[in-house]
Protein backbone atom coordinates (compact mmCIF):
# COMPACT_ATOMS: atom_id res chain seq x y z
CA MET A 1 -8.09 32.07 -25.02
CA PRO A 2 -10.31 29.48 -26.76
CA LYS A 3 -8.93 26.95 -29.26
CA LEU A 4 -10.31 26.15 -32.74
CA ILE A 5 -9.91 22.54 -33.83
CA LEU A 6 -10.59 21.62 -37.45
CA THR A 7 -10.90 17.99 -38.48
CA ASN A 8 -12.36 15.75 -41.16
CA GLY A 9 -15.91 14.98 -39.97
CA GLU A 10 -18.40 14.39 -37.21
CA THR A 11 -16.96 11.01 -36.18
CA ALA A 12 -13.56 12.54 -35.51
CA VAL A 13 -15.26 15.32 -33.59
CA GLU A 14 -16.95 12.70 -31.38
CA ARG A 15 -13.63 10.97 -30.73
CA LEU A 16 -12.00 14.28 -29.78
CA ARG A 17 -14.82 14.95 -27.32
CA ALA A 18 -14.46 11.45 -25.91
CA ALA A 19 -10.77 12.10 -25.33
CA GLY A 20 -11.55 15.25 -23.42
CA ILE A 21 -9.71 17.46 -25.90
CA ALA A 22 -11.15 20.90 -25.34
CA GLY A 23 -11.83 23.49 -28.02
CA HIS A 24 -14.35 24.60 -30.57
CA LEU A 25 -14.61 21.51 -32.79
CA LEU A 26 -15.39 22.08 -36.46
CA PRO A 27 -15.72 19.29 -39.03
CA TRP A 28 -14.44 20.25 -42.52
CA GLN A 29 -16.72 18.00 -44.52
CA ASP A 30 -16.25 17.94 -48.29
CA MET A 31 -15.27 15.13 -50.66
CA LEU A 32 -12.85 17.30 -52.66
CA HIS A 33 -11.70 14.31 -54.67
CA ASP A 34 -15.01 14.44 -56.58
CA GLY A 35 -16.23 17.35 -58.66
CA PRO A 36 -14.78 20.72 -59.69
CA VAL A 37 -12.56 22.67 -57.28
CA PRO A 38 -11.60 26.24 -58.28
CA ALA A 39 -8.20 27.77 -57.75
CA GLY A 40 -7.45 30.40 -55.12
CA SER A 41 -7.60 30.78 -51.36
CA VAL A 42 -11.03 32.46 -50.93
CA LEU A 43 -13.22 29.98 -49.09
CA GLU A 44 -16.44 31.50 -50.41
CA ASP A 45 -15.33 30.95 -54.04
CA VAL A 46 -14.60 27.31 -53.42
CA SER A 47 -17.79 26.74 -51.45
CA ASP A 48 -19.96 28.26 -54.21
CA VAL A 49 -18.64 25.72 -56.74
CA ARG A 50 -18.66 22.81 -54.33
CA ALA A 51 -22.22 23.44 -53.19
CA ASP A 52 -23.40 23.55 -56.77
CA PHE A 53 -21.69 20.22 -57.52
CA LEU A 54 -22.84 18.47 -54.37
CA SER A 55 -26.42 19.60 -54.78
CA GLN A 56 -26.55 18.31 -58.35
CA ALA A 57 -24.60 15.10 -57.79
CA LEU A 58 -26.46 14.10 -54.61
CA GLY A 59 -29.95 15.45 -55.32
CA LEU A 60 -29.95 18.14 -52.61
CA PRO A 61 -31.29 21.71 -52.44
CA PHE A 62 -28.45 24.09 -53.33
CA ASP A 63 -29.45 26.64 -50.66
CA ALA A 64 -29.22 24.09 -47.84
CA VAL A 65 -25.79 22.84 -48.92
CA ARG A 66 -24.46 26.35 -49.47
CA ALA A 67 -25.71 27.43 -46.05
CA ASP A 68 -23.83 24.57 -44.44
CA PHE A 69 -20.61 25.68 -46.16
CA ALA A 70 -21.19 29.32 -45.24
CA HIS A 71 -21.59 28.44 -41.56
CA ARG A 72 -18.41 26.37 -41.66
CA ASP A 73 -16.37 28.97 -43.55
CA ALA A 74 -17.44 31.81 -41.27
CA GLN A 75 -16.00 30.02 -38.24
CA VAL A 76 -12.61 29.72 -39.87
CA GLU A 77 -12.57 33.33 -41.09
CA VAL A 78 -12.69 34.52 -37.47
CA HIS A 79 -9.68 32.39 -36.54
CA ILE A 80 -7.90 35.40 -35.05
CA ALA A 81 -10.45 35.30 -32.23
CA TYR A 82 -8.85 32.04 -31.07
CA GLY A 83 -5.60 31.68 -29.22
CA GLU A 84 -4.76 28.49 -31.12
CA VAL A 85 -5.91 26.74 -34.32
CA GLU A 86 -5.26 23.01 -34.53
CA LEU A 87 -5.65 20.98 -37.77
CA TRP A 88 -6.38 17.30 -37.17
CA PHE A 89 -6.20 15.24 -40.37
CA GLU A 90 -5.47 11.69 -41.49
CA HIS A 91 -3.21 10.18 -44.10
CA ASP A 92 -5.80 9.42 -46.78
CA LEU A 93 -6.76 11.39 -49.88
CA TYR A 94 -10.04 12.71 -48.44
CA ASP A 95 -8.18 14.30 -45.53
CA GLN A 96 -5.08 15.42 -47.40
CA LEU A 97 -7.14 17.49 -49.83
CA GLN A 98 -8.97 19.15 -46.94
CA LEU A 99 -5.61 19.79 -45.26
CA ILE A 100 -4.07 21.53 -48.26
CA GLN A 101 -7.20 23.62 -48.74
CA LEU A 102 -6.92 24.91 -45.18
CA LEU A 103 -3.16 25.33 -45.25
CA ASN A 104 -3.43 27.19 -48.56
CA TYR A 105 -6.03 29.45 -46.92
CA PHE A 106 -3.79 30.15 -43.95
CA ALA A 107 -0.76 30.66 -46.22
CA HIS A 108 -2.55 33.72 -47.61
CA GLU A 109 -3.67 35.05 -44.21
CA PRO A 110 -1.61 37.93 -42.76
CA GLU A 111 -2.14 36.63 -39.21
CA ARG A 112 -1.96 32.94 -38.32
CA MET A 113 -0.46 32.76 -34.86
CA GLY A 114 -0.93 29.51 -32.94
CA LEU A 115 -1.45 27.33 -36.03
CA SER A 116 -0.46 23.68 -35.41
CA LEU A 117 -0.91 20.35 -37.11
CA VAL A 118 -1.87 16.94 -35.78
CA GLN A 119 -1.08 14.51 -38.61
CA ALA A 120 -2.46 11.00 -38.06
CA ALA A 121 -1.21 7.89 -39.85
CA HIS A 122 -4.45 6.08 -38.86
CA TYR A 123 -8.19 6.86 -38.89
CA LEU A 124 -9.23 9.36 -36.25
CA GLY A 125 -12.80 8.05 -36.12
CA VAL A 126 -11.77 4.70 -34.66
CA MET A 127 -9.12 5.82 -32.22
CA GLU A 128 -9.32 5.24 -28.51
CA PRO A 129 -9.26 8.33 -26.26
CA SER A 130 -5.72 7.53 -25.12
CA ALA A 131 -4.49 7.45 -28.71
CA MET A 132 -6.18 10.78 -29.40
CA ARG A 133 -4.50 12.34 -26.40
CA ALA A 134 -1.11 10.96 -27.52
CA LEU A 135 -1.62 12.61 -30.91
CA GLU A 136 -2.44 15.91 -29.27
CA ALA A 137 0.78 15.70 -27.22
CA GLY A 138 2.68 15.36 -30.50
CA ARG A 139 1.13 18.32 -32.30
CA ALA A 140 3.62 20.63 -33.92
CA PRO A 141 3.53 24.22 -35.19
CA VAL A 142 2.88 24.52 -38.91
CA THR A 143 6.07 25.59 -40.63
CA HIS A 144 6.56 28.00 -43.50
CA VAL A 145 7.79 25.08 -45.62
CA GLN A 146 4.57 23.19 -44.95
CA LEU A 147 2.48 26.21 -45.87
CA GLU A 148 4.42 26.66 -49.12
CA THR A 149 4.18 22.96 -49.91
CA ALA A 150 0.41 23.03 -49.39
CA ARG A 151 0.12 26.19 -51.48
CA GLN A 152 1.96 24.54 -54.36
CA ALA A 153 -0.11 21.37 -53.99
CA TRP A 154 -3.38 23.29 -54.03
CA ASP A 155 -2.30 25.23 -57.09
CA ALA A 156 -1.41 21.96 -58.81
CA PHE A 157 -4.65 20.27 -57.75
CA THR A 158 -6.83 23.13 -59.02
CA ALA A 159 -4.90 23.66 -62.27
CA PRO A 160 -6.80 23.23 -65.56
CA THR A 161 -4.70 20.22 -66.58
CA PRO A 162 -3.27 17.38 -64.47
CA ARG A 163 0.28 18.10 -65.59
CA PRO A 164 1.14 20.34 -62.60
CA LEU A 165 -0.26 17.72 -60.24
CA ALA A 166 1.86 14.98 -61.83
CA ALA A 167 4.90 17.23 -61.64
CA PHE A 168 4.25 17.93 -57.96
CA VAL A 169 4.00 14.20 -57.26
CA ALA A 170 7.16 13.49 -59.22
CA ALA A 171 9.06 16.13 -57.22
CA ALA A 172 7.93 14.34 -54.04
CA PRO A 173 8.26 17.12 -51.43
CA ASP A 174 8.27 15.62 -47.98
CA ALA A 175 7.16 18.50 -45.71
CA LEU A 176 3.72 16.88 -45.48
CA PRO A 177 4.56 13.15 -45.35
CA HIS A 178 1.20 11.69 -46.47
CA LEU A 179 0.46 14.21 -49.25
CA VAL A 180 2.35 12.76 -52.22
CA PRO A 181 0.95 9.20 -51.91
CA ALA A 182 -2.54 10.66 -51.58
CA LEU A 183 -2.14 12.83 -54.69
CA ARG A 184 -0.69 9.92 -56.62
CA ARG A 185 -3.84 7.97 -55.77
CA LEU A 186 -5.89 10.89 -57.04
CA LEU A 187 -4.12 10.78 -60.38
CA ALA A 188 -5.18 7.14 -60.68
CA GLU A 189 -8.81 8.33 -60.83
CA LEU A 190 -8.12 9.70 -64.31
CA PRO A 191 -9.14 7.37 -67.17
CA ALA A 192 -6.54 4.76 -68.14
CA PRO A 193 -5.14 4.90 -71.72
CA LYS A 194 -6.89 1.84 -73.21
CA SER A 195 -9.85 0.96 -71.05
CA GLY A 196 -10.81 4.51 -70.09
CA LEU A 197 -11.35 3.23 -66.53
CA SER A 198 -10.24 4.90 -63.33
CA LEU A 199 -8.53 2.69 -60.79
CA THR A 200 -11.68 2.49 -58.69
CA GLU A 201 -13.79 1.58 -61.74
CA GLU A 202 -11.28 -1.07 -62.77
CA ARG A 203 -11.38 -2.61 -59.28
CA ILE A 204 -15.19 -2.64 -59.36
CA LEU A 205 -15.26 -4.53 -62.63
CA ALA A 206 -12.50 -6.92 -61.51
CA ARG A 207 -14.53 -7.81 -58.44
CA LEU A 208 -17.59 -8.50 -60.63
CA ALA A 209 -15.57 -10.62 -63.03
CA ASP A 210 -15.90 -13.42 -60.45
CA GLY A 211 -19.67 -13.21 -60.67
CA PRO A 212 -22.59 -11.04 -59.52
CA ALA A 213 -22.37 -9.49 -56.04
CA LYS A 214 -24.27 -7.10 -53.86
CA VAL A 215 -23.28 -3.47 -53.90
CA ALA A 216 -22.22 -3.60 -50.28
CA GLN A 217 -19.93 -6.56 -51.00
CA VAL A 218 -18.33 -4.81 -53.97
CA TYR A 219 -17.79 -1.67 -51.90
CA ALA A 220 -16.11 -3.63 -49.09
CA ALA A 221 -13.84 -5.44 -51.53
CA VAL A 222 -12.81 -2.31 -53.44
CA HIS A 223 -12.48 -0.15 -50.33
CA SER A 224 -10.09 -2.58 -48.70
CA GLN A 225 -7.63 -2.42 -51.63
CA ASP A 226 -6.52 1.10 -50.70
CA GLU A 227 -3.86 1.15 -48.00
CA ALA A 228 -5.10 4.63 -47.06
CA GLN A 229 -8.86 4.19 -47.56
CA PHE A 230 -10.49 7.45 -48.64
CA LEU A 231 -13.64 6.69 -50.60
CA ALA A 232 -16.82 6.75 -48.52
CA ASP A 233 -19.87 4.80 -49.60
CA LEU A 234 -21.84 7.57 -51.26
CA PRO A 235 -19.07 8.82 -53.60
CA PHE A 236 -18.42 5.16 -54.37
CA PHE A 237 -22.05 4.76 -55.31
CA LEU A 238 -21.71 7.71 -57.71
CA ARG A 239 -19.00 5.73 -59.48
CA LEU A 240 -21.36 2.78 -59.75
CA ASP A 241 -23.95 5.13 -61.25
CA GLY A 242 -21.47 6.19 -63.90
CA LEU A 243 -20.85 2.57 -64.90
CA ALA A 244 -24.51 1.47 -64.77
CA PHE A 245 -26.28 4.40 -66.44
CA ALA A 246 -23.77 5.12 -69.20
CA ARG A 247 -24.69 5.09 -72.86
CA GLU A 248 -23.13 1.59 -73.01
CA PRO A 249 -23.52 0.24 -69.45
CA LEU A 250 -20.61 -1.69 -67.95
CA ILE A 251 -22.64 -3.07 -65.05
CA SER A 252 -26.32 -3.86 -64.51
CA GLY A 253 -28.66 -4.34 -61.58
CA LEU A 254 -28.77 -0.94 -59.84
CA PRO A 255 -32.33 0.00 -58.83
CA PHE A 256 -31.87 3.78 -59.25
CA ARG A 257 -29.20 6.48 -59.43
CA SER A 258 -27.85 7.12 -55.95
CA GLY A 259 -27.85 10.89 -56.31
CA GLU A 260 -31.21 11.40 -57.93
CA ALA A 261 -33.91 13.37 -56.16
CA GLY A 262 -35.68 11.05 -53.76
CA GLY A 263 -32.73 8.66 -53.73
CA LEU A 264 -29.90 8.69 -51.24
CA ARG A 265 -29.33 11.75 -49.12
CA PHE A 266 -26.09 13.50 -48.21
CA SER A 267 -25.03 17.00 -47.29
CA PRO A 268 -21.93 18.52 -45.66
CA GLY A 269 -23.90 18.88 -42.45
CA ASP A 270 -25.78 15.57 -42.48
CA ALA A 271 -24.06 12.51 -43.94
CA SER A 272 -26.98 10.15 -43.26
CA PRO A 273 -28.81 8.87 -46.33
CA ALA A 274 -32.45 7.89 -46.13
CA GLU A 275 -32.39 4.45 -44.48
CA GLY A 276 -34.81 2.64 -46.79
CA SER A 277 -33.32 3.80 -50.06
CA TYR A 278 -29.77 3.21 -48.81
CA ARG A 279 -30.57 -0.41 -47.90
CA ALA A 280 -32.21 -1.03 -51.27
CA TYR A 281 -29.22 0.37 -53.11
CA ALA A 282 -26.59 -1.40 -50.99
CA ALA A 283 -28.44 -4.72 -51.24
CA ALA A 284 -28.86 -4.60 -55.02
CA GLU A 285 -27.05 -7.39 -56.88
CA ILE A 286 -24.94 -6.10 -59.73
CA SER A 287 -23.11 -7.86 -62.54
CA LEU A 288 -20.91 -7.15 -65.51
CA THR A 289 -22.29 -6.48 -69.00
CA PRO A 290 -20.46 -7.48 -72.19
CA ALA A 291 -19.04 -3.92 -72.30
CA GLY A 292 -17.75 -4.34 -68.73
CA HIS A 293 -15.95 -7.55 -69.65
CA ALA A 294 -14.47 -5.85 -72.72
CA ALA A 295 -13.29 -2.84 -70.76
CA LEU A 296 -11.44 -5.11 -68.30
CA LYS A 297 -9.64 -6.65 -71.27
CA GLY A 298 -8.77 -3.22 -72.67
CA SER A 299 -10.84 -3.72 -75.80
CA PHE A 300 -13.58 -1.22 -74.90
CA ASP A 301 -12.74 2.41 -74.10
CA HIS A 302 -15.28 3.45 -71.49
CA ALA A 303 -14.09 7.08 -71.46
CA CYS A 304 -14.54 7.61 -75.20
CA ALA A 305 -17.47 5.33 -75.91
CA ASN A 306 -19.50 6.72 -73.03
CA ALA A 307 -18.31 10.34 -73.31
CA VAL A 308 -17.15 10.31 -69.69
CA GLU A 309 -17.19 13.71 -67.99
CA ARG A 310 -15.77 14.37 -64.56
CA PHE A 311 -13.55 16.76 -62.67
CA ILE A 312 -10.30 15.98 -60.91
CA GLY A 313 -9.76 19.20 -59.00
CA GLY A 314 -9.46 21.90 -61.65
CA THR A 315 -9.15 19.45 -64.58
CA HIS A 316 -12.31 18.89 -66.58
CA VAL A 317 -12.10 15.47 -68.16
CA GLN A 318 -14.54 15.39 -71.06
CA PRO A 319 -14.79 14.54 -74.76
CA GLY A 320 -12.22 16.63 -76.58
CA SER A 321 -10.20 17.01 -73.38
CA MET A 322 -9.83 13.40 -72.31
CA TRP A 323 -6.83 13.55 -70.02
CA ARG A 324 -5.60 10.12 -68.96
CA TYR A 325 -3.08 8.62 -66.51
CA ASP A 326 -0.88 5.63 -67.23
CA ARG A 327 -0.65 3.92 -63.87
CA ARG A 328 2.24 1.70 -64.97
CA SER A 329 4.55 4.52 -66.10
CA GLY A 330 3.15 7.13 -63.70
CA GLU A 331 2.73 9.56 -66.60
CA VAL A 332 -0.11 11.83 -67.63
CA VAL A 333 -1.33 11.25 -71.19
CA ALA A 334 -2.54 14.37 -72.98
CA PRO A 335 -5.72 14.33 -75.14
CA ASN A 336 -5.21 13.37 -78.76
């Protein structure tokens, strides 16, 4: 019988093909670390919300994005037509969130025979064919403990406050070895207590404290600071937008918002932005404003002063519900 192989994106699909690993290859493309993610195991419900977010954030037609998700979801929902289903995912946050979404889905399915996991501690998209084949040889059946761990993690991730997520991380279940570090990194994207900066935002400003730099240079510097690098260029650019086009800007120099209509282009089915606009954005030289310098010193609260609004899974961070995360103590700080 045919095999269904689910993985993180088109590059991993290409590497699987190059390694001669046979099966129906399906990329599960969604940056779940950004934007709202509803609770539950129904793929359609999640895709409705995600398509709405991605279309607004990235300046894309909703119908096109939703159609991409519908095509993807439909192929998973007929999984019983396959003799085997393999999940190929990496160690970073981008992949771990996709993995728990899929495992949560399968945890609620009455039939899931032939479900196995290939868990990579390196990036699939850069692996040689021999390394891919070695990973395949080490694939293992998904256990009930792994399904339950993923279900609990998904429930915590999609909860309306970050407290369940912090509790899950503190409990440190080890059935999925890369999951807890990834979710701890996600918590660090909540605003910090004094500066109101996420870890990524703080790293951006710290890089610019040495002087102006091009967007591409800042991205490379910030990206390299994560041991398990998860943040692709376009979601990184959205973070720059949030700093540059705030009520009180923390950086200056961006030519336009990356996600505005006519700007950069991204969709779950086509991750290629328009070449000209991408180059203009990536080559722009950016610098700190006085507010940016103050935020780095902890004397300017970006989250409050700029009425920051963002989602971390099911948690809506916004004025009046400004959840924070103290990265030193590892504790969630409730809104005042």
